[in-house]
Amino acid sequence: MSLRKTVVGSFPRLPFGIDQAIRAVIDLQLQAGMDIVSDGEQRADMITYFKEIPGLGRCAKGLAVDTKIS
């Protein structure tokens, strides 16, 4: 039995349109031999998910605590 290879995390934002950026990220993963590929989070970043946590919000530098985190 062999293990399937994939990636975890975001690729840096690419300076292309979203469709072209996703295609480039997928091509890089396939060239590297990944079995399971992702869009490299080109549509959103990790902060997009974190800002949904009560007490966290977005600021100019990224993520900030804006109220008590429960």
Protein backbone atom coordinates (compact mmCIF):
# COMPACT_ATOMS: atom_id res chain seq x y z
CA MET A 1 0.00 0.00 0.00
CA SER A 2 1.37 3.40 -0.92
CA LEU A 3 0.50 6.70 0.69
CA ARG A 4 -1.11 9.36 -1.44
CA LYS A 5 0.72 12.69 -1.58
CA THR A 6 -0.92 16.09 -1.17
CA VAL A 7 -0.18 19.59 0.10
CA VAL A 8 -1.40 21.50 3.14
CA GLY A 9 -1.57 25.27 3.29
CA SER A 10 -1.68 28.19 0.93
CA PHE A 11 0.45 29.00 -2.07
CA PRO A 12 1.55 32.64 -2.31
CA ARG A 13 -0.90 34.80 -4.26
CA LEU A 14 -0.02 34.78 -7.93
CA PRO A 15 -0.24 37.95 -10.04
CA PHE A 16 -2.75 36.46 -12.50
CA GLY A 17 -6.51 36.28 -12.77
CA ILE A 18 -8.06 33.72 -10.43
CA ASP A 19 -8.59 31.00 -13.06
CA GLN A 20 -5.05 31.30 -14.40
CA ALA A 21 -3.58 31.36 -10.87
CA ILE A 22 -5.45 28.20 -9.87
CA ARG A 23 -4.36 26.44 -13.06
CA ALA A 24 -0.71 27.42 -12.38
CA VAL A 25 -0.90 26.14 -8.79
CA ILE A 26 -2.46 22.84 -9.90
CA ASP A 27 0.17 22.42 -12.63
CA LEU A 28 2.97 22.96 -10.08
CA GLN A 29 1.47 20.34 -7.78
CA LEU A 30 1.09 17.82 -10.61
CA GLN A 31 4.69 18.44 -11.74
CA ALA A 32 5.80 17.76 -8.15
CA GLY A 33 3.99 14.41 -8.22
CA MET A 34 1.07 15.20 -5.93
CA ASP A 35 -1.80 12.70 -6.04
CA ILE A 36 -4.38 15.06 -4.53
CA VAL A 37 -4.19 18.71 -5.59
CA SER A 38 -5.83 21.88 -4.30
CA ASP A 39 -6.47 25.39 -5.57
CA GLY A 40 -3.71 26.65 -3.25
CA GLU A 41 -6.26 28.90 -1.53
CA GLN A 42 -6.01 31.42 -4.36
CA ARG A 43 -9.62 32.52 -3.75
CA ALA A 44 -9.18 33.33 -0.06
CA ASP A 45 -6.58 33.15 2.64
CA MET A 46 -6.44 31.62 6.09
CA ILE A 47 -7.42 34.93 7.69
CA THR A 48 -10.76 34.75 5.87
CA TYR A 49 -11.59 31.69 7.95
CA PHE A 50 -10.17 33.01 11.22
CA LYS A 51 -12.11 36.27 11.05
CA GLU A 52 -15.30 34.22 11.47
CA ILE A 53 -14.21 33.35 15.03
CA PRO A 54 -15.94 35.66 17.52
CA GLY A 55 -13.40 38.16 18.84
CA LEU A 56 -11.13 38.13 15.80
CA GLY A 57 -11.25 40.59 12.94
CA ARG A 58 -9.26 41.93 10.03
CA CYS A 59 -6.98 44.96 10.27
CA ALA A 60 -4.40 46.56 7.98
CA LYS A 61 -1.71 44.11 9.16
CA GLY A 62 -3.89 41.02 8.89
CA LEU A 63 -5.71 39.51 11.86
CA ALA A 64 -6.44 41.27 15.15
CA VAL A 65 -8.21 40.52 18.41
CA ASP A 66 -11.04 43.05 18.55
CA THR A 67 -13.06 41.71 21.51
CA LYS A 68 -12.79 38.98 24.11
CA ILE A 69 -12.35 35.61 22.43
CA SER A 70 -14.77 33.11 23.90
